[in-house]
Amino acid sequence: MQIAINKVHYPVTTLGYGKRVGIWTQGCSIRCPGCISKDTWERSKEHWTQIDDLVAACRGWLAQADGITVSGGEPFDQPEALTGLLDRLRAETRGDILVYSGYSHESLSKRFPGVIRKLDVLITEPYAPHAGSSLFLRGSDNQKIFLLTPLARERYPSNINTLEWGTKSGLDIMMEGDAIWMAGIPRENEMTKLKERLERSGYRCDTSDVFHPLIRA
């Protein structure tokens, strides 16, 4: 079985408990206004990979990771492939599995109850820039976190739906060869501040949009 993938990375520390394998699917039909991951919307033939090959490539990471975070794109736009991926990941790790979705919890519960039963943590609802962005693990404060298993309830605080980021940054900075990209969730005004700091250091940034292809949330 194949799945469309944008990127895979380890370690990611801003999208769940501990050091995690981050998997970003490719393709999104929701397309929230203000999305910072527009590069994950469209699919093309180079995005497709065999699930067996993907898991094999991650096996070394999975052996040491505390968990896996699957985001996108919209993972539930590929429900059969997502199911296959989750089954394979469960066979490779004892860590928690967290999945982000822009669909509502009500919709996912009706359409994909079997997929939800394979998760430890589910974060739902579309990105809404006007809702604010102060809460832990969420791109906007309307989003909801569901701790679905004993492992999730052991690892994540019981007040997680009201927990703020505090002083912890919402971004991991990654370097791959000559490329620099970011994974995580920018806090409010964080990208504007970064743009200003880069410009003070002599780097020219035409608009804040230059960061959109670099961030994975």
N, C-alpha and C. Protein backbone atom coordinates (compact mmCIF):
# COMPACT_ATOMS: atom_id res chain seq x y z
N MET A 1 0.84 -1.20 0.00
CA MET A 1 0.00 0.00 0.00
C MET A 1 0.87 1.25 0.00
N GLN A 2 0.43 2.27 -0.73
CA GLN A 2 1.18 3.51 -0.81
C GLN A 2 0.54 4.61 0.03
N ILE A 3 1.36 5.58 0.42
CA ILE A 3 0.90 6.76 1.13
C ILE A 3 1.66 7.96 0.59
N ALA A 4 0.98 9.10 0.51
CA ALA A 4 1.62 10.33 0.03
C ALA A 4 2.23 11.05 1.23
N ILE A 5 3.54 11.29 1.15
CA ILE A 5 4.31 11.85 2.26
C ILE A 5 5.03 13.11 1.82
N ASN A 6 5.01 14.11 2.68
CA ASN A 6 5.77 15.34 2.43
C ASN A 6 7.18 15.24 3.02
N LYS A 7 7.27 14.81 4.29
CA LYS A 7 8.56 14.79 4.94
C LYS A 7 8.50 13.88 6.16
N VAL A 8 9.67 13.33 6.53
CA VAL A 8 9.83 12.55 7.75
C VAL A 8 11.09 13.05 8.45
N HIS A 9 11.02 13.19 9.78
CA HIS A 9 12.19 13.71 10.49
C HIS A 9 12.25 13.18 11.91
N TYR A 10 13.48 13.06 12.41
CA TYR A 10 13.74 12.74 13.82
C TYR A 10 15.02 13.45 14.24
N PRO A 11 15.07 14.04 15.46
CA PRO A 11 13.99 14.12 16.45
C PRO A 11 13.17 15.41 16.29
N VAL A 12 11.90 15.31 16.60
CA VAL A 12 11.01 16.47 16.72
C VAL A 12 10.60 16.56 18.19
N THR A 13 10.75 17.72 18.80
CA THR A 13 10.50 17.85 20.24
C THR A 13 9.33 18.77 20.57
N THR A 14 8.72 19.40 19.57
CA THR A 14 7.69 20.41 19.83
C THR A 14 6.28 19.95 19.48
N LEU A 15 6.13 18.70 19.07
CA LEU A 15 4.82 18.20 18.63
C LEU A 15 4.42 16.96 19.42
N GLY A 16 4.65 16.99 20.73
CA GLY A 16 4.28 15.89 21.57
C GLY A 16 5.33 15.58 22.61
N TYR A 17 5.12 14.49 23.33
CA TYR A 17 5.98 14.09 24.44
C TYR A 17 7.35 13.63 23.95
N GLY A 18 8.41 14.15 24.55
CA GLY A 18 9.76 13.65 24.32
C GLY A 18 10.27 13.88 22.91
N LYS A 19 11.19 13.02 22.49
CA LYS A 19 11.77 13.06 21.16
C LYS A 19 10.96 12.15 20.25
N ARG A 20 10.49 12.71 19.11
CA ARG A 20 9.51 12.00 18.31
C ARG A 20 9.93 11.90 16.85
N VAL A 21 9.43 10.87 16.20
CA VAL A 21 9.49 10.80 14.75
C VAL A 21 8.32 11.61 14.21
N GLY A 22 8.60 12.59 13.38
CA GLY A 22 7.56 13.39 12.74
C GLY A 22 7.31 12.91 11.32
N ILE A 23 6.06 12.64 11.00
CA ILE A 23 5.66 12.20 9.66
C ILE A 23 4.60 13.16 9.15
N TRP A 24 4.88 13.83 8.03
CA TRP A 24 3.92 14.77 7.46
C TRP A 24 3.37 14.20 6.16
N THR A 25 2.07 13.98 6.12
CA THR A 25 1.45 13.46 4.90
C THR A 25 1.28 14.59 3.89
N GLN A 26 1.07 14.21 2.63
CA GLN A 26 0.91 15.18 1.55
C GLN A 26 -0.53 15.13 1.04
N GLY A 27 -1.10 16.31 0.89
CA GLY A 27 -2.46 16.42 0.40
C GLY A 27 -3.40 16.90 1.48
N CYS A 28 -4.17 17.96 1.18
CA CYS A 28 -5.13 18.48 2.14
C CYS A 28 -6.31 19.08 1.39
N SER A 29 -7.52 18.61 1.71
CA SER A 29 -8.72 19.15 1.10
C SER A 29 -9.35 20.25 1.94
N ILE A 30 -8.87 20.46 3.17
CA ILE A 30 -9.47 21.45 4.06
C ILE A 30 -8.96 22.86 3.73
N ARG A 31 -7.65 23.02 3.64
CA ARG A 31 -7.01 24.25 3.20
C ARG A 31 -7.45 25.46 4.01
N CYS A 32 -7.13 25.43 5.28
CA CYS A 32 -7.52 26.50 6.19
C CYS A 32 -6.86 27.82 5.79
N PRO A 33 -7.59 28.93 5.83
CA PRO A 33 -6.99 30.24 5.60
C PRO A 33 -5.87 30.49 6.61
N GLY A 34 -4.74 30.99 6.12
CA GLY A 34 -3.61 31.27 7.00
C GLY A 34 -2.73 30.07 7.29
N CYS A 35 -2.98 28.93 6.66
CA CYS A 35 -2.17 27.74 6.89
C CYS A 35 -0.69 28.02 6.61
N ILE A 36 0.20 27.54 7.50
CA ILE A 36 1.63 27.74 7.29
C ILE A 36 2.28 26.57 6.55
N SER A 37 1.48 25.58 6.18
CA SER A 37 2.03 24.40 5.51
C SER A 37 1.37 24.19 4.14
N LYS A 38 1.26 25.28 3.38
CA LYS A 38 0.60 25.19 2.08
C LYS A 38 1.33 24.26 1.11
N ASP A 39 2.61 24.03 1.37
CA ASP A 39 3.35 23.12 0.50
C ASP A 39 2.89 21.67 0.66
N THR A 40 2.05 21.38 1.66
CA THR A 40 1.53 20.03 1.85
C THR A 40 0.16 19.83 1.23
N TRP A 41 -0.37 20.83 0.55
CA TRP A 41 -1.74 20.74 0.03
C TRP A 41 -1.86 19.85 -1.20
N GLU A 42 -1.00 20.09 -2.18
CA GLU A 42 -1.13 19.41 -3.48
C GLU A 42 -0.27 18.14 -3.51
N ARG A 43 -0.77 17.11 -4.18
CA ARG A 43 -0.02 15.88 -4.35
C ARG A 43 0.49 15.76 -5.77
N SER A 44 1.63 15.15 -5.91
CA SER A 44 2.14 14.77 -7.23
C SER A 44 2.82 13.42 -7.10
N LYS A 45 3.24 12.86 -8.20
CA LYS A 45 3.69 11.46 -8.20
C LYS A 45 4.92 11.24 -7.32
N GLU A 46 5.75 12.27 -7.13
CA GLU A 46 6.96 12.07 -6.33
C GLU A 46 6.68 11.96 -4.83
N HIS A 47 5.45 12.26 -4.42
CA HIS A 47 5.12 12.18 -3.00
C HIS A 47 4.75 10.77 -2.54
N TRP A 48 4.45 9.88 -3.48
CA TRP A 48 3.95 8.57 -3.09
C TRP A 48 5.10 7.62 -2.74
N THR A 49 4.90 6.85 -1.67
CA THR A 49 5.89 5.86 -1.26
C THR A 49 5.18 4.66 -0.66
N GLN A 50 5.82 3.52 -0.72
CA GLN A 50 5.27 2.33 -0.09
C GLN A 50 5.38 2.45 1.43
N ILE A 51 4.31 2.10 2.12
CA ILE A 51 4.33 2.18 3.58
C ILE A 51 5.44 1.30 4.15
N ASP A 52 5.64 0.11 3.60
CA ASP A 52 6.71 -0.76 4.08
C ASP A 52 8.07 -0.09 3.97
N ASP A 53 8.31 0.61 2.86
CA ASP A 53 9.59 1.30 2.67
C ASP A 53 9.74 2.45 3.65
N LEU A 54 8.65 3.18 3.88
CA LEU A 54 8.70 4.30 4.82
C LEU A 54 9.04 3.82 6.22
N VAL A 55 8.36 2.78 6.67
CA VAL A 55 8.60 2.27 8.03
C VAL A 55 10.01 1.69 8.14
N ALA A 56 10.47 1.02 7.11
CA ALA A 56 11.82 0.46 7.13
C ALA A 56 12.86 1.57 7.25
N ALA A 57 12.64 2.69 6.55
CA ALA A 57 13.57 3.81 6.60
C ALA A 57 13.59 4.46 7.98
N CYS A 58 12.48 4.36 8.72
CA CYS A 58 12.37 4.97 10.05
C CYS A 58 12.72 4.02 11.18
N ARG A 59 13.02 2.78 10.88
CA ARG A 59 13.12 1.75 11.93
C ARG A 59 14.15 2.12 13.00
N GLY A 60 15.28 2.64 12.60
CA GLY A 60 16.30 3.03 13.58
C GLY A 60 15.81 4.14 14.49
N TRP A 61 15.09 5.11 13.93
CA TRP A 61 14.52 6.19 14.73
C TRP A 61 13.45 5.65 15.67
N LEU A 62 12.58 4.78 15.16
CA LEU A 62 11.47 4.27 15.95
C LEU A 62 11.96 3.52 17.17
N ALA A 63 13.12 2.89 17.07
CA ALA A 63 13.64 2.11 18.18
C ALA A 63 14.02 2.99 19.37
N GLN A 64 14.32 4.27 19.12
CA GLN A 64 14.76 5.15 20.20
C GLN A 64 13.78 6.28 20.49
N ALA A 65 12.77 6.47 19.64
CA ALA A 65 11.85 7.59 19.81
C ALA A 65 10.88 7.35 20.95
N ASP A 66 10.45 8.45 21.60
CA ASP A 66 9.42 8.37 22.63
C ASP A 66 8.03 8.25 22.04
N GLY A 67 7.89 8.66 20.78
CA GLY A 67 6.59 8.59 20.15
C GLY A 67 6.66 9.03 18.71
N ILE A 68 5.50 9.06 18.07
CA ILE A 68 5.38 9.44 16.66
C ILE A 68 4.28 10.47 16.55
N THR A 69 4.52 11.52 15.78
CA THR A 69 3.49 12.51 15.47
C THR A 69 3.24 12.49 13.97
N VAL A 70 1.97 12.33 13.60
CA VAL A 70 1.57 12.34 12.19
C VAL A 70 0.74 13.59 11.96
N SER A 71 1.18 14.41 11.01
CA SER A 71 0.47 15.64 10.69
C SER A 71 0.42 15.76 9.18
N GLY A 72 0.24 16.97 8.68
CA GLY A 72 0.14 17.10 7.23
C GLY A 72 0.31 18.52 6.76
N GLY A 73 -0.37 18.75 5.65
CA GLY A 73 -1.41 17.97 5.01
C GLY A 73 -2.51 17.54 5.98
N GLU A 74 -3.38 16.69 5.47
CA GLU A 74 -4.47 16.15 6.28
C GLU A 74 -4.38 14.63 6.27
N PRO A 75 -3.91 14.02 7.37
CA PRO A 75 -3.74 12.56 7.38
C PRO A 75 -5.02 11.80 7.07
N PHE A 76 -6.19 12.30 7.52
CA PHE A 76 -7.43 11.57 7.32
C PHE A 76 -7.98 11.70 5.91
N ASP A 77 -7.32 12.46 5.04
CA ASP A 77 -7.66 12.45 3.62
C ASP A 77 -7.14 11.18 2.94
N GLN A 78 -6.33 10.39 3.66
CA GLN A 78 -5.86 9.10 3.17
C GLN A 78 -6.20 8.04 4.23
N PRO A 79 -7.46 7.79 4.51
CA PRO A 79 -7.82 6.95 5.66
C PRO A 79 -7.30 5.51 5.57
N GLU A 80 -7.35 4.91 4.39
CA GLU A 80 -6.88 3.54 4.27
C GLU A 80 -5.37 3.48 4.45
N ALA A 81 -4.66 4.42 3.83
CA ALA A 81 -3.21 4.46 3.97
C ALA A 81 -2.82 4.80 5.41
N LEU A 82 -3.55 5.72 6.04
CA LEU A 82 -3.27 6.06 7.42
C LEU A 82 -3.44 4.84 8.33
N THR A 83 -4.50 4.08 8.08
CA THR A 83 -4.71 2.85 8.86
C THR A 83 -3.55 1.89 8.70
N GLY A 84 -3.11 1.70 7.45
CA GLY A 84 -1.99 0.81 7.21
C GLY A 84 -0.72 1.29 7.87
N LEU A 85 -0.47 2.59 7.82
CA LEU A 85 0.72 3.16 8.45
C LEU A 85 0.66 2.97 9.97
N LEU A 86 -0.48 3.26 10.57
CA LEU A 86 -0.59 3.13 12.03
C LEU A 86 -0.38 1.68 12.48
N ASP A 87 -0.91 0.74 11.73
CA ASP A 87 -0.71 -0.67 12.08
C ASP A 87 0.76 -1.04 12.04
N ARG A 88 1.47 -0.58 11.04
CA ARG A 88 2.91 -0.88 10.94
C ARG A 88 3.70 -0.18 12.03
N LEU A 89 3.34 1.06 12.34
CA LEU A 89 4.05 1.78 13.41
C LEU A 89 3.85 1.11 14.76
N ARG A 90 2.64 0.63 15.03
CA ARG A 90 2.37 -0.06 16.29
C ARG A 90 3.26 -1.29 16.46
N ALA A 91 3.58 -1.93 15.35
CA ALA A 91 4.42 -3.12 15.41
C ALA A 91 5.89 -2.78 15.66
N GLU A 92 6.26 -1.52 15.51
CA GLU A 92 7.66 -1.11 15.59
C GLU A 92 8.00 -0.32 16.84
N THR A 93 7.01 0.16 17.59
CA THR A 93 7.32 1.06 18.70
C THR A 93 6.34 0.88 19.84
N ARG A 94 6.81 1.19 21.05
CA ARG A 94 5.94 1.24 22.21
C ARG A 94 5.62 2.68 22.60
N GLY A 95 6.07 3.62 21.79
CA GLY A 95 5.80 5.03 22.05
C GLY A 95 4.36 5.39 21.75
N ASP A 96 3.98 6.61 22.15
CA ASP A 96 2.62 7.05 21.85
C ASP A 96 2.53 7.58 20.43
N ILE A 97 1.35 7.45 19.84
CA ILE A 97 1.09 7.94 18.49
C ILE A 97 0.10 9.09 18.59
N LEU A 98 0.49 10.25 18.09
CA LEU A 98 -0.32 11.47 18.10
C LEU A 98 -0.60 11.87 16.66
N VAL A 99 -1.85 12.16 16.36
CA VAL A 99 -2.22 12.58 15.00
C VAL A 99 -2.97 13.91 15.05
N TYR A 100 -2.56 14.82 14.18
CA TYR A 100 -3.26 16.09 13.98
C TYR A 100 -4.25 15.94 12.84
N SER A 101 -5.42 16.56 13.00
CA SER A 101 -6.40 16.63 11.91
C SER A 101 -7.12 17.97 11.93
N GLY A 102 -7.42 18.48 10.75
CA GLY A 102 -8.21 19.70 10.64
C GLY A 102 -9.71 19.44 10.64
N TYR A 103 -10.11 18.17 10.67
CA TYR A 103 -11.53 17.84 10.77
C TYR A 103 -11.98 17.92 12.23
N SER A 104 -13.28 18.06 12.43
CA SER A 104 -13.80 18.11 13.79
C SER A 104 -13.77 16.72 14.42
N HIS A 105 -13.74 16.68 15.73
CA HIS A 105 -13.77 15.41 16.43
C HIS A 105 -15.07 14.66 16.15
N GLU A 106 -16.17 15.39 16.07
CA GLU A 106 -17.47 14.77 15.78
C GLU A 106 -17.44 14.08 14.42
N SER A 107 -16.89 14.76 13.41
CA SER A 107 -16.82 14.19 12.07
C SER A 107 -15.93 12.95 12.04
N LEU A 108 -14.76 13.03 12.66
CA LEU A 108 -13.84 11.89 12.66
C LEU A 108 -14.44 10.70 13.40
N SER A 109 -15.13 10.96 14.51
CA SER A 109 -15.72 9.88 15.29
C SER A 109 -16.78 9.13 14.49
N LYS A 110 -17.51 9.84 13.64
CA LYS A 110 -18.54 9.22 12.82
C LYS A 110 -17.95 8.48 11.63
N ARG A 111 -16.94 9.09 10.99
CA ARG A 111 -16.42 8.54 9.74
C ARG A 111 -15.32 7.51 9.94
N PHE A 112 -14.48 7.69 10.96
CA PHE A 112 -13.28 6.86 11.10
C PHE A 112 -13.07 6.36 12.53
N PRO A 113 -14.08 5.77 13.16
CA PRO A 113 -13.90 5.32 14.55
C PRO A 113 -12.80 4.27 14.69
N GLY A 114 -12.62 3.42 13.67
CA GLY A 114 -11.59 2.41 13.73
C GLY A 114 -10.19 2.99 13.72
N VAL A 115 -10.01 4.07 12.98
CA VAL A 115 -8.70 4.73 12.95
C VAL A 115 -8.41 5.38 14.29
N ILE A 116 -9.40 6.04 14.85
CA ILE A 116 -9.20 6.73 16.13
C ILE A 116 -8.80 5.75 17.22
N ARG A 117 -9.34 4.53 17.17
CA ARG A 117 -9.00 3.53 18.19
C ARG A 117 -7.54 3.11 18.13
N LYS A 118 -6.83 3.43 17.07
CA LYS A 118 -5.42 3.10 16.94
C LYS A 118 -4.50 4.18 17.51
N LEU A 119 -5.08 5.29 17.98
CA LEU A 119 -4.29 6.45 18.41
C LEU A 119 -4.20 6.54 19.92
N ASP A 120 -3.15 7.21 20.38
CA ASP A 120 -3.05 7.59 21.79
C ASP A 120 -3.55 9.01 22.01
N VAL A 121 -3.22 9.89 21.07
CA VAL A 121 -3.59 11.31 21.18
C VAL A 121 -4.13 11.76 19.83
N LEU A 122 -5.23 12.51 19.87
CA LEU A 122 -5.81 13.09 18.66
C LEU A 122 -6.03 14.58 18.90
N ILE A 123 -5.55 15.40 17.97
CA ILE A 123 -5.77 16.84 18.03
C ILE A 123 -6.60 17.23 16.82
N THR A 124 -7.75 17.87 17.06
CA THR A 124 -8.73 18.09 15.99
C THR A 124 -9.08 19.57 15.84
N GLU A 125 -9.86 19.82 14.83
CA GLU A 125 -10.47 21.10 14.45
C GLU A 125 -9.56 21.87 13.49
N PRO A 126 -10.18 22.65 12.59
CA PRO A 126 -9.40 23.41 11.61
C PRO A 126 -8.62 24.56 12.24
N TYR A 127 -7.55 24.94 11.58
CA TYR A 127 -6.78 26.10 12.02
C TYR A 127 -7.62 27.36 11.83
N ALA A 128 -7.70 28.18 12.88
CA ALA A 128 -8.50 29.41 12.86
C ALA A 128 -7.64 30.55 13.39
N PRO A 129 -6.99 31.31 12.51
CA PRO A 129 -6.02 32.32 12.96
C PRO A 129 -6.60 33.35 13.91
N HIS A 130 -7.89 33.65 13.81
CA HIS A 130 -8.47 34.67 14.67
C HIS A 130 -8.80 34.15 16.07
N ALA A 131 -8.61 32.85 16.30
CA ALA A 131 -8.88 32.28 17.62
C ALA A 131 -7.73 32.47 18.59
N GLY A 132 -6.59 32.99 18.10
CA GLY A 132 -5.41 33.12 18.94
C GLY A 132 -4.56 31.86 18.90
N SER A 133 -3.34 31.95 19.41
CA SER A 133 -2.42 30.80 19.36
C SER A 133 -1.54 30.78 20.60
N SER A 134 -2.15 30.61 21.75
CA SER A 134 -1.39 30.61 23.00
C SER A 134 -1.32 29.25 23.67
N LEU A 135 -2.11 28.26 23.19
CA LEU A 135 -2.24 27.00 23.90
C LEU A 135 -1.27 25.93 23.39
N PHE A 136 -0.84 25.10 24.31
CA PHE A 136 0.16 24.07 24.09
C PHE A 136 -0.26 23.09 22.99
N LEU A 137 0.65 22.86 22.05
CA LEU A 137 0.51 21.87 20.97
C LEU A 137 -0.51 22.22 19.90
N ARG A 138 -1.10 23.43 19.96
CA ARG A 138 -2.14 23.78 18.99
C ARG A 138 -1.76 24.99 18.16
N GLY A 139 -2.09 24.94 16.87
CA GLY A 139 -1.86 26.07 16.00
C GLY A 139 -2.81 27.21 16.28
N SER A 140 -4.04 26.91 16.70
CA SER A 140 -4.99 27.95 17.10
C SER A 140 -5.80 27.42 18.29
N ASP A 141 -6.28 28.33 19.11
CA ASP A 141 -6.82 27.95 20.41
C ASP A 141 -8.19 27.28 20.36
N ASN A 142 -8.81 27.20 19.18
CA ASN A 142 -10.07 26.46 19.05
C ASN A 142 -9.84 24.96 18.96
N GLN A 143 -8.61 24.53 18.73
CA GLN A 143 -8.34 23.12 18.53
C GLN A 143 -8.40 22.35 19.86
N LYS A 144 -8.73 21.07 19.78
CA LYS A 144 -8.98 20.25 20.96
C LYS A 144 -8.05 19.05 20.99
N ILE A 145 -7.61 18.69 22.19
CA ILE A 145 -6.73 17.55 22.39
C ILE A 145 -7.48 16.45 23.13
N PHE A 146 -7.41 15.22 22.61
CA PHE A 146 -8.07 14.07 23.22
C PHE A 146 -7.01 13.04 23.60
N LEU A 147 -6.92 12.75 24.89
CA LEU A 147 -6.01 11.74 25.41
C LEU A 147 -6.79 10.43 25.47
N LEU A 148 -6.46 9.49 24.59
CA LEU A 148 -7.34 8.36 24.32
C LEU A 148 -6.94 7.07 25.03
N THR A 149 -5.72 7.01 25.57
CA THR A 149 -5.24 5.76 26.17
C THR A 149 -4.58 6.03 27.51
N PRO A 150 -4.40 4.99 28.32
CA PRO A 150 -3.67 5.17 29.58
C PRO A 150 -2.27 5.73 29.38
N LEU A 151 -1.57 5.31 28.31
CA LEU A 151 -0.24 5.84 28.04
C LEU A 151 -0.29 7.34 27.82
N ALA A 152 -1.27 7.80 27.06
CA ALA A 152 -1.40 9.24 26.81
C ALA A 152 -1.70 9.98 28.10
N ARG A 153 -2.57 9.46 28.91
CA ARG A 153 -2.93 10.13 30.17
C ARG A 153 -1.78 10.11 31.17
N GLU A 154 -0.89 9.14 31.02
CA GLU A 154 0.30 9.10 31.87
C GLU A 154 1.32 10.15 31.45
N ARG A 155 1.45 10.35 30.15
CA ARG A 155 2.51 11.22 29.64
C ARG A 155 2.12 12.69 29.54
N TYR A 156 0.86 12.96 29.29
CA TYR A 156 0.42 14.33 29.03
C TYR A 156 -0.40 14.85 30.21
N PRO A 157 -0.28 16.13 30.55
CA PRO A 157 -0.99 16.67 31.71
C PRO A 157 -2.50 16.64 31.53
N SER A 158 -3.21 16.44 32.63
CA SER A 158 -4.66 16.34 32.59
C SER A 158 -5.32 17.64 32.17
N ASN A 159 -4.62 18.76 32.39
CA ASN A 159 -5.17 20.08 32.01
C ASN A 159 -4.67 20.53 30.65
N ILE A 160 -4.33 19.58 29.79
CA ILE A 160 -3.66 19.91 28.53
C ILE A 160 -4.50 20.82 27.63
N ASN A 161 -5.83 20.77 27.74
CA ASN A 161 -6.65 21.60 26.87
C ASN A 161 -6.67 23.07 27.28
N THR A 162 -6.15 23.38 28.45
CA THR A 162 -6.03 24.78 28.87
C THR A 162 -4.59 25.20 29.09
N LEU A 163 -3.66 24.28 28.87
CA LEU A 163 -2.25 24.54 29.13
C LEU A 163 -1.65 25.45 28.07
N GLU A 164 -0.94 26.50 28.50
CA GLU A 164 -0.30 27.42 27.56
C GLU A 164 1.13 26.99 27.30
N TRP A 165 1.72 27.56 26.24
CA TRP A 165 3.09 27.22 25.87
C TRP A 165 4.09 27.63 26.95
N GLY A 166 3.81 28.70 27.68
CA GLY A 166 4.76 29.20 28.66
C GLY A 166 6.01 29.73 27.98
N THR A 167 7.18 29.39 28.51
CA THR A 167 8.43 29.91 27.95
C THR A 167 9.01 29.00 26.88
N LYS A 168 8.45 27.82 26.69
CA LYS A 168 8.98 26.87 25.72
C LYS A 168 8.63 27.29 24.30
N SER A 169 9.62 27.27 23.42
CA SER A 169 9.37 27.60 22.03
C SER A 169 8.52 26.52 21.37
N GLY A 170 7.75 26.95 20.39
CA GLY A 170 6.95 25.99 19.63
C GLY A 170 7.62 25.53 18.36
N LEU A 171 8.91 25.75 18.20
CA LEU A 171 9.59 25.41 16.94
C LEU A 171 10.88 24.64 17.18
N ASP A 172 11.10 23.63 16.36
CA ASP A 172 12.41 22.98 16.23
C ASP A 172 13.07 23.53 14.97
N ILE A 173 14.34 23.84 15.05
CA ILE A 173 15.10 24.30 13.88
C ILE A 173 15.91 23.13 13.35
N MET A 174 15.73 22.81 12.08
CA MET A 174 16.39 21.67 11.46
C MET A 174 17.37 22.15 10.38
N MET A 175 18.50 21.49 10.29
CA MET A 175 19.47 21.76 9.23
C MET A 175 19.74 20.47 8.47
N GLU A 176 19.56 20.52 7.15
CA GLU A 176 19.81 19.39 6.28
C GLU A 176 20.61 19.88 5.09
N GLY A 177 21.92 19.64 5.11
CA GLY A 177 22.77 20.17 4.06
C GLY A 177 22.75 21.69 4.08
N ASP A 178 22.42 22.29 2.96
CA ASP A 178 22.34 23.75 2.88
C ASP A 178 20.96 24.28 3.25
N ALA A 179 20.02 23.39 3.55
CA ALA A 179 18.66 23.81 3.84
C ALA A 179 18.43 23.94 5.35
N ILE A 180 17.65 24.94 5.71
CA ILE A 180 17.21 25.13 7.09
C ILE A 180 15.68 25.19 7.06
N TRP A 181 15.05 24.40 7.90
CA TRP A 181 13.59 24.43 7.97
C TRP A 181 13.16 24.27 9.42
N MET A 182 11.90 24.51 9.66
CA MET A 182 11.38 24.49 11.02
C MET A 182 10.21 23.54 11.13
N ALA A 183 10.14 22.84 12.24
CA ALA A 183 9.01 21.95 12.54
C ALA A 183 8.36 22.44 13.82
N GLY A 184 7.04 22.40 13.85
CA GLY A 184 6.35 22.79 15.05
C GLY A 184 5.27 23.82 14.80
N ILE A 185 4.92 24.52 15.86
CA ILE A 185 3.81 25.46 15.81
C ILE A 185 4.32 26.82 16.26
N PRO A 186 4.39 27.80 15.36
CA PRO A 186 4.84 29.13 15.77
C PRO A 186 3.90 29.74 16.80
N ARG A 187 4.46 30.29 17.85
CA ARG A 187 3.65 31.04 18.80
C ARG A 187 3.26 32.38 18.17
N GLU A 188 2.31 33.05 18.78
CA GLU A 188 1.79 34.29 18.24
C GLU A 188 2.92 35.29 18.04
N ASN A 189 3.03 35.84 16.82
CA ASN A 189 4.03 36.84 16.42
C ASN A 189 5.45 36.28 16.34
N GLU A 190 5.63 34.97 16.53
CA GLU A 190 6.98 34.40 16.53
C GLU A 190 7.66 34.55 15.18
N MET A 191 6.92 34.34 14.08
CA MET A 191 7.54 34.43 12.76
C MET A 191 7.85 35.87 12.40
N THR A 192 7.03 36.81 12.85
CA THR A 192 7.33 38.22 12.60
C THR A 192 8.61 38.62 13.32
N LYS A 193 8.78 38.17 14.56
CA LYS A 193 9.99 38.47 15.32
C LYS A 193 11.22 37.85 14.67
N LEU A 194 11.08 36.62 14.17
CA LEU A 194 12.20 35.97 13.50
C LEU A 194 12.58 36.72 12.24
N LYS A 195 11.59 37.14 11.47
CA LYS A 195 11.85 37.91 10.26
C LYS A 195 12.61 39.19 10.60
N GLU A 196 12.20 39.87 11.64
CA GLU A 196 12.86 41.12 12.04
C GLU A 196 14.30 40.87 12.47
N ARG A 197 14.54 39.80 13.20
CA ARG A 197 15.90 39.49 13.64
C ARG A 197 16.80 39.13 12.47
N LEU A 198 16.26 38.38 11.51
CA LEU A 198 17.05 38.05 10.33
C LEU A 198 17.42 39.31 9.54
N GLU A 199 16.45 40.21 9.41
CA GLU A 199 16.72 41.44 8.66
C GLU A 199 17.77 42.31 9.38
N ARG A 200 17.73 42.33 10.72
CA ARG A 200 18.74 43.09 11.47
C ARG A 200 20.12 42.47 11.30
N SER A 201 20.17 41.16 10.99
CA SER A 201 21.45 40.48 10.80
C SER A 201 21.92 40.54 9.35
N GLY A 202 21.18 41.23 8.50
CA GLY A 202 21.60 41.40 7.12
C GLY A 202 20.95 40.48 6.11
N TYR A 203 19.97 39.68 6.54
CA TYR A 203 19.25 38.81 5.62
C TYR A 203 18.00 39.51 5.15
N ARG A 204 17.72 39.47 3.84
CA ARG A 204 16.55 40.13 3.30
C ARG A 204 15.39 39.17 3.21
N CYS A 205 14.26 39.54 3.81
CA CYS A 205 13.04 38.74 3.77
C CYS A 205 11.95 39.60 3.16
N ASP A 206 11.48 39.23 1.98
CA ASP A 206 10.49 40.06 1.30
C ASP A 206 9.18 40.14 2.07
N THR A 207 8.67 38.97 2.51
CA THR A 207 7.45 38.91 3.32
C THR A 207 7.59 37.74 4.27
N SER A 208 6.66 37.67 5.22
CA SER A 208 6.68 36.53 6.14
C SER A 208 6.39 35.23 5.42
N ASP A 209 5.84 35.33 4.18
CA ASP A 209 5.51 34.12 3.44
C ASP A 209 6.73 33.29 3.09
N VAL A 210 7.93 33.88 3.15
CA VAL A 210 9.11 33.10 2.81
C VAL A 210 9.28 31.92 3.76
N PHE A 211 8.65 31.98 4.93
CA PHE A 211 8.80 30.89 5.88
C PHE A 211 7.81 29.76 5.66
N HIS A 212 6.75 30.01 4.91
CA HIS A 212 5.69 29.00 4.82
C HIS A 212 6.16 27.65 4.32
N PRO A 213 7.05 27.57 3.32
CA PRO A 213 7.45 26.26 2.88
C PRO A 213 8.38 25.55 3.87
N LEU A 214 8.84 26.26 4.90
CA LEU A 214 9.83 25.70 5.80
C LEU A 214 9.26 25.14 7.08
N ILE A 215 8.03 25.46 7.39
CA ILE A 215 7.47 25.09 8.69
C ILE A 215 6.56 23.89 8.54
N ARG A 216 6.70 22.93 9.47
CA ARG A 216 5.80 21.79 9.51
C ARG A 216 5.08 21.81 10.84
N ALA A 217 3.77 21.94 10.82
CA ALA A 217 3.00 21.99 12.06
C ALA A 217 2.07 20.80 12.18
